[in-house]
Protein backbone atom coordinates (compact mmCIF):
# COMPACT_ATOMS: atom_id res chain seq x y z
CA MET A 1 -85.72 -32.51 7.63
CA ARG A 2 -84.03 -35.80 8.50
CA LEU A 3 -83.36 -36.54 12.16
CA ASP A 4 -79.58 -36.82 11.64
CA GLU A 5 -79.43 -33.39 10.01
CA ALA A 6 -81.55 -31.82 12.77
CA ILE A 7 -79.27 -33.27 15.44
CA GLU A 8 -76.17 -31.85 13.75
CA ARG A 9 -77.77 -28.40 13.56
CA PHE A 10 -78.84 -28.58 17.21
CA LEU A 11 -75.34 -29.60 18.36
CA HIS A 12 -73.91 -26.67 16.39
CA THR A 13 -76.41 -24.38 18.12
CA ILE A 14 -75.56 -25.45 21.66
CA ARG A 15 -71.86 -25.14 20.88
CA PHE A 16 -71.81 -21.73 19.23
CA GLU A 17 -75.06 -20.04 20.25
CA TYR A 18 -76.01 -21.39 23.67
CA GLY A 19 -72.40 -21.63 24.89
CA TYR A 20 -72.89 -24.89 26.76
CA SER A 21 -69.83 -26.39 28.44
CA GLU A 22 -67.83 -29.08 26.66
CA HIS A 23 -69.06 -31.62 29.21
CA THR A 24 -72.72 -30.78 28.48
CA GLN A 25 -72.09 -30.82 24.73
CA ARG A 26 -70.58 -34.31 24.94
CA ALA A 27 -73.45 -35.58 27.09
CA TYR A 28 -76.09 -34.19 24.72
CA GLU A 29 -74.28 -35.61 21.71
CA ARG A 30 -74.03 -39.09 23.26
CA ASP A 31 -77.73 -39.09 24.15
CA LEU A 32 -78.88 -37.83 20.76
CA ARG A 33 -76.66 -40.28 18.84
CA SER A 34 -78.17 -43.10 20.87
CA PHE A 35 -81.69 -41.76 20.32
CA ALA A 36 -81.10 -41.45 16.56
CA GLU A 37 -79.78 -45.01 16.36
CA HIS A 38 -82.90 -46.24 18.16
CA ALA A 39 -85.35 -44.13 16.14
CA GLN A 40 -83.71 -45.03 12.82
CA ALA A 41 -83.34 -48.75 13.38
CA GLY A 42 -85.41 -49.34 10.24
CA GLY A 43 -83.79 -46.57 8.19
CA PRO A 44 -83.60 -42.76 8.09
CA VAL A 45 -86.62 -40.93 9.47
CA ASP A 46 -87.94 -37.40 9.29
CA VAL A 47 -87.64 -35.35 12.46
CA ALA A 48 -91.43 -34.89 12.47
CA ALA A 49 -91.79 -38.65 13.03
CA CYS A 50 -89.87 -38.47 16.31
CA ASN A 51 -92.91 -37.99 18.49
CA LEU A 52 -93.54 -38.53 22.18
CA GLU A 53 -94.03 -42.29 21.77
CA VAL A 54 -90.70 -42.75 19.98
CA MET A 55 -88.95 -40.79 22.73
CA ARG A 56 -90.65 -42.81 25.48
CA ASP A 57 -89.72 -46.04 23.71
CA TRP A 58 -86.03 -45.01 23.65
CA LEU A 59 -86.09 -44.11 27.36
CA TRP A 60 -87.84 -47.38 28.19
CA ALA A 61 -85.18 -49.33 26.24
CA ARG A 62 -82.46 -47.60 28.26
CA GLN A 63 -84.26 -48.39 31.49
CA ARG A 64 -84.55 -52.08 30.53
CA ALA A 65 -80.83 -52.06 29.74
CA GLY A 66 -80.18 -51.16 33.39
CA ARG A 67 -79.17 -47.53 32.97
CA ALA A 68 -79.07 -45.50 36.20
CA ALA A 69 -81.90 -43.14 37.08
CA SER A 70 -79.50 -40.20 36.70
CA THR A 71 -78.68 -41.33 33.14
CA ILE A 72 -82.37 -41.63 32.26
CA ALA A 73 -83.03 -38.19 33.77
CA ARG A 74 -80.24 -36.69 31.70
CA GLY A 75 -81.73 -38.30 28.58
CA VAL A 76 -85.06 -36.64 29.36
CA ALA A 77 -83.34 -33.27 29.77
CA THR A 78 -81.54 -33.76 26.44
CA LEU A 79 -84.77 -34.57 24.58
CA LYS A 80 -86.59 -31.62 26.17
CA SER A 81 -83.85 -29.24 25.09
CA PHE A 82 -83.74 -30.76 21.60
CA GLY A 83 -87.53 -30.62 21.32
CA SER A 84 -87.60 -27.00 22.44
CA TRP A 85 -85.06 -26.12 19.74
CA LEU A 86 -87.09 -27.99 17.11
CA GLU A 87 -90.15 -25.96 18.07
CA ARG A 88 -88.21 -22.70 18.15
CA ASP A 89 -86.89 -23.24 14.63
CA GLY A 90 -90.32 -24.21 13.31
CA LEU A 91 -89.29 -27.77 12.43
CA VAL A 92 -92.19 -29.22 14.45
CA PRO A 93 -95.43 -27.57 15.63
CA GLY A 94 -94.69 -28.13 19.33
CA ASN A 95 -92.10 -29.60 21.64
CA PRO A 96 -92.63 -33.39 21.38
CA ALA A 97 -90.73 -33.95 24.64
CA SER A 98 -92.78 -31.53 26.75
CA ARG A 99 -94.74 -34.32 28.44
CA LEU A 100 -91.74 -36.47 29.33
CA ARG A 101 -91.13 -36.94 33.04
CA ALA A 102 -87.72 -37.66 34.49
CA PRO A 103 -87.39 -40.38 37.15
CA LYS A 104 -86.61 -39.31 40.68
CA VAL A 105 -82.85 -39.46 41.18
CA PRO A 106 -81.79 -40.62 44.65
CA LYS A 107 -79.64 -38.02 46.34
CA SER A 108 -76.19 -39.12 47.45
CA LEU A 109 -73.62 -37.16 49.39
CA PRO A 110 -70.47 -36.34 47.41
CA ARG A 111 -67.13 -37.82 48.39
CA VAL A 112 -65.09 -35.46 50.54
CA LEU A 113 -61.42 -35.87 51.44
CA GLY A 114 -60.17 -35.12 54.93
CA ASP A 115 -57.74 -32.30 55.70
CA GLU A 116 -54.90 -34.76 56.29
CA GLN A 117 -55.60 -36.54 53.01
CA VAL A 118 -55.42 -33.31 51.04
CA SER A 119 -52.20 -32.28 52.80
CA ARG A 120 -50.66 -35.67 52.10
CA ILE A 121 -51.60 -35.57 48.41
CA LEU A 122 -50.33 -32.03 47.85
CA GLN A 123 -47.12 -32.73 49.75
CA ARG A 124 -46.52 -35.83 47.63
CA VAL A 125 -47.00 -34.05 44.30
CA GLY A 126 -45.05 -31.06 45.59
CA GLU A 127 -42.04 -33.25 46.33
CA ARG A 128 -42.14 -34.62 42.79
CA ALA A 129 -42.41 -31.10 41.39
CA ALA A 130 -39.32 -30.09 43.38
CA THR A 131 -37.24 -32.28 41.04
CA GLY A 132 -37.92 -29.70 38.31
CA ASP A 133 -39.55 -32.11 35.89
CA PRO A 134 -41.96 -29.98 33.78
CA GLU A 135 -44.70 -32.62 33.82
CA HIS A 136 -44.58 -32.83 37.63
CA LEU A 137 -44.57 -29.04 37.87
CA ARG A 138 -47.75 -28.93 35.78
CA ASP A 139 -49.49 -31.71 37.71
CA HIS A 140 -48.66 -30.00 41.01
CA ALA A 141 -50.18 -26.74 39.75
CA VAL A 142 -53.26 -28.61 38.49
CA LEU A 143 -53.97 -30.20 41.88
CA GLU A 144 -53.18 -27.08 43.89
CA MET A 145 -55.46 -24.91 41.76
CA LEU A 146 -58.32 -27.41 41.69
CA TYR A 147 -58.32 -27.52 45.48
CA ALA A 148 -57.56 -23.84 46.09
CA ALA A 149 -60.24 -22.42 43.78
CA ALA A 150 -62.80 -25.29 43.67
CA LEU A 151 -62.71 -25.12 39.88
CA ARG A 152 -64.76 -27.30 37.56
CA VAL A 153 -62.41 -29.42 35.47
CA SER A 154 -63.60 -27.67 32.29
CA GLU A 155 -62.79 -24.29 33.87
CA LEU A 156 -59.29 -25.46 34.74
CA CYS A 157 -58.59 -26.85 31.27
CA GLU A 158 -60.02 -23.79 29.50
CA LEU A 159 -58.20 -21.30 31.73
CA PRO A 160 -56.51 -18.79 29.39
CA LEU A 161 -52.83 -18.01 29.71
CA ALA A 162 -53.75 -14.54 30.97
CA GLY A 163 -56.27 -15.96 33.46
CA LEU A 164 -53.89 -15.92 36.42
CA ASP A 165 -53.32 -12.61 38.21
CA ARG A 166 -50.06 -13.27 40.01
CA ARG A 167 -50.11 -10.04 42.01
CA GLU A 168 -53.70 -10.37 43.27
CA ARG A 169 -53.51 -14.17 43.51
CA THR A 170 -56.75 -14.75 41.59
CA VAL A 171 -57.87 -16.69 38.54
CA ARG A 172 -60.46 -15.49 36.04
CA VAL A 173 -62.55 -18.39 34.75
CA PHE A 174 -65.60 -18.89 32.54
CA GLY A 175 -68.18 -21.22 34.05
CA LYS A 176 -71.44 -22.68 32.81
CA GLY A 177 -73.17 -20.55 30.22
CA GLY A 178 -69.98 -18.56 29.71
CA LYS A 179 -70.42 -16.74 33.03
CA GLU A 180 -67.19 -15.10 34.14
CA ARG A 181 -66.03 -15.01 37.74
CA VAL A 182 -62.82 -14.18 39.59
CA VAL A 183 -61.74 -16.68 42.25
CA PRO A 184 -58.98 -16.23 44.85
CA ILE A 185 -56.24 -18.80 45.31
CA GLY A 186 -53.95 -19.29 48.28
CA ALA A 187 -50.19 -18.79 48.47
CA PRO A 188 -49.28 -22.49 47.91
CA ALA A 189 -51.40 -22.65 44.73
CA ALA A 190 -49.94 -19.33 43.52
CA ARG A 191 -46.39 -20.62 44.08
CA ALA A 192 -47.14 -23.87 42.25
CA ALA A 193 -48.70 -21.97 39.33
CA GLU A 194 -45.74 -19.59 39.09
CA ALA A 195 -43.23 -22.46 39.20
CA TYR A 196 -45.12 -24.18 36.39
CA LEU A 197 -45.22 -20.98 34.32
CA GLU A 198 -41.54 -20.21 34.84
CA ARG A 199 -40.02 -23.69 34.57
CA GLY A 200 -42.68 -26.10 33.33
CA ARG A 201 -44.91 -24.71 30.61
CA ALA A 202 -42.17 -23.43 28.29
CA ALA A 203 -40.23 -26.68 28.75
CA LEU A 204 -43.27 -28.76 27.74
CA LEU A 205 -43.80 -26.62 24.63
CA GLU A 206 -40.10 -26.84 23.76
CA ARG A 207 -40.06 -30.58 24.31
CA ALA A 208 -43.01 -30.96 21.93
CA ALA A 209 -41.35 -28.76 19.30
CA VAL A 210 -38.11 -30.78 19.45
CA SER A 211 -40.06 -34.03 19.16
CA GLU A 212 -41.89 -32.82 16.06
CA ALA A 213 -38.69 -31.50 14.49
CA GLY A 214 -37.01 -34.83 15.13
CA SER A 215 -39.85 -36.69 13.45
CA GLY A 216 -39.49 -34.47 10.39
CA THR A 217 -43.20 -33.71 10.32
CA GLY A 218 -43.04 -30.09 11.44
CA SER A 219 -46.12 -28.32 12.80
CA ASP A 220 -48.41 -25.57 11.64
CA ARG A 221 -50.22 -25.39 14.97
CA SER A 222 -50.96 -21.97 16.32
CA PRO A 223 -49.48 -21.24 19.77
CA VAL A 224 -51.47 -22.73 22.65
CA GLU A 225 -53.17 -19.88 24.49
CA ARG A 226 -54.37 -21.95 27.43
CA PHE A 227 -52.63 -21.91 30.76
CA PHE A 228 -52.15 -25.67 31.00
CA VAL A 229 -50.60 -27.65 28.17
CA SER A 230 -50.11 -31.35 27.54
CA ASN A 231 -46.82 -33.21 27.20
CA ARG A 232 -47.21 -32.79 23.43
CA GLY A 233 -47.63 -29.03 23.67
CA THR A 234 -51.36 -29.14 22.94
CA ALA A 235 -54.23 -27.99 25.15
CA PHE A 236 -54.61 -29.90 28.42
CA THR A 237 -57.88 -31.89 28.25
CA THR A 238 -60.42 -32.89 30.87
CA GLN A 239 -59.43 -36.54 30.38
CA MET A 240 -55.81 -35.65 31.17
CA ALA A 241 -56.87 -33.78 34.30
CA TYR A 242 -58.95 -36.77 35.40
CA ARG A 243 -55.95 -39.08 35.05
CA VAL A 244 -53.77 -36.74 37.13
CA VAL A 245 -56.30 -36.55 39.98
CA SER A 246 -57.35 -40.20 39.79
CA ARG A 247 -53.74 -41.35 40.11
CA GLU A 248 -53.32 -39.41 43.37
CA LEU A 249 -56.67 -40.44 44.88
CA GLU A 250 -56.34 -44.11 43.96
CA GLY A 251 -54.45 -45.11 47.10
CA GLU A 252 -56.32 -42.82 49.48
CA PRO A 253 -58.81 -44.26 52.02
CA GLY A 254 -62.48 -43.90 51.17
CA SER A 255 -64.74 -45.01 48.37
CA GLY A 256 -66.43 -43.05 45.64
CA PRO A 257 -65.35 -40.99 42.63
CA ARG A 258 -61.67 -40.23 42.06
CA GLY A 259 -62.04 -37.39 39.57
CA PRO A 260 -61.41 -33.64 39.79
CA HIS A 261 -64.95 -32.96 41.05
CA THR A 262 -64.01 -34.69 44.31
CA LEU A 263 -61.56 -31.85 44.98
CA ARG A 264 -64.29 -29.28 44.21
CA HIS A 265 -66.60 -31.00 46.71
CA THR A 266 -63.79 -31.14 49.23
CA THR A 267 -62.95 -27.44 48.94
CA ALA A 268 -66.57 -26.37 49.37
CA THR A 269 -67.02 -28.56 52.43
CA HIS A 270 -63.75 -27.43 54.01
CA LEU A 271 -64.72 -23.78 53.49
CA LEU A 272 -68.10 -24.26 55.19
CA ASN A 273 -66.55 -26.28 57.99
CA GLY A 274 -64.13 -23.39 58.49
CA GLY A 275 -66.96 -20.90 58.89
CA ALA A 276 -67.27 -19.43 55.39
CA ASP A 277 -70.63 -17.86 54.54
CA LEU A 278 -72.82 -20.03 52.32
CA ARG A 279 -73.40 -17.27 49.76
CA ILE A 280 -69.67 -16.58 49.49
CA VAL A 281 -69.11 -20.26 48.75
CA GLN A 282 -71.95 -20.13 46.21
CA GLU A 283 -70.24 -17.24 44.42
CA MET A 284 -66.87 -18.96 44.51
CA LEU A 285 -68.30 -22.16 43.02
CA GLY A 286 -70.25 -20.26 40.36
CA HIS A 287 -73.58 -21.84 41.33
CA ALA A 288 -76.64 -20.11 39.89
CA SER A 289 -78.81 -21.50 42.70
CA LEU A 290 -78.08 -21.48 46.41
CA GLY A 291 -79.69 -24.92 46.57
CA SER A 292 -76.77 -26.37 44.62
CA THR A 293 -74.38 -25.10 47.30
CA GLN A 294 -76.49 -26.25 50.24
CA VAL A 295 -75.61 -29.89 49.58
CA TYR A 296 -72.27 -29.15 51.23
CA THR A 297 -73.99 -28.12 54.46
CA HIS A 298 -75.62 -31.55 54.37
CA VAL A 299 -72.18 -33.13 53.99
CA SER A 300 -70.95 -31.25 57.08
CA THR A 301 -74.05 -32.24 59.07
CA GLU A 302 -73.74 -35.88 58.03
CA ARG A 303 -70.08 -35.96 59.08
CA LEU A 304 -70.99 -34.41 62.42
CA ALA A 305 -73.77 -36.98 62.94
CA GLU A 306 -71.41 -39.83 62.07
CA SER A 307 -68.80 -38.58 64.55
CA TYR A 308 -71.52 -38.26 67.20
CA ARG A 309 -72.73 -41.83 66.64
CA ARG A 310 -69.19 -43.15 66.94
CA ALA A 311 -68.15 -41.12 69.99
CA HIS A 312 -71.20 -40.46 72.19
CA PRO A 313 -71.86 -43.22 74.74
CA ARG A 314 -75.64 -42.78 74.43
CA ALA A 315 -75.81 -42.27 70.69
């Protein structure tokens, strides 16, 4: 079987059989497209020819190009998963990537916003939402729910219309591997979500329908069943969510990422700083391993140490 064909079958498998998140699917696809381009520089090749040496050569080329250790490590993980699937389906006698070793990725503490920063951001978007503009109502609900429930951006964008329980003030989301969990949200997030549902979502869908009717093109789209919708009445994407969050974080003090994951980091840290049990936070975040959640205890400790160094006369 040709390498290109094997890659297409593997991507179909992780999408419909393994249930990987959209983010993971995109990352695997980018890595495998790059690997195929490298392996087939001289023309199409059979998947059996993609041995350990070819894989190492691709990783070495990426390293020479200055790719980060985390990018190289992700490439190793992609090849290992692809190789395991090749072996499982009997396309090769063994996993050709089994002997690959990922580089050690330096650990860095995630960016965390302060309480006052979060309050300032949510107050700012709340004031815009108070004008009744449907786009502002949606963006306010997006930011409130990201912070209230510590959602992954994919979980927010894929939240079904029926995912919000208005009476219990919870959201039902599907995390990595399709694992379902129910997460509580606070009163401000619930109010923002209800305002968006009552005055924003329908207006965005109606605006999109009027625009299409005016263009004379019509639409045979099925109704959008996701909670959040775009200005065009389509599903709200992760890129759209990133733009909403990035716009609000752009002028805030502090360096580091400006995407939705910063709010997830912030929520987890604020919960632990407020005395929440580590395992409760683990369950809320949907982490399979407690070790993934423990990074936020390190954030709290680092902030404490920094405050001590600044304030203590004998630090």
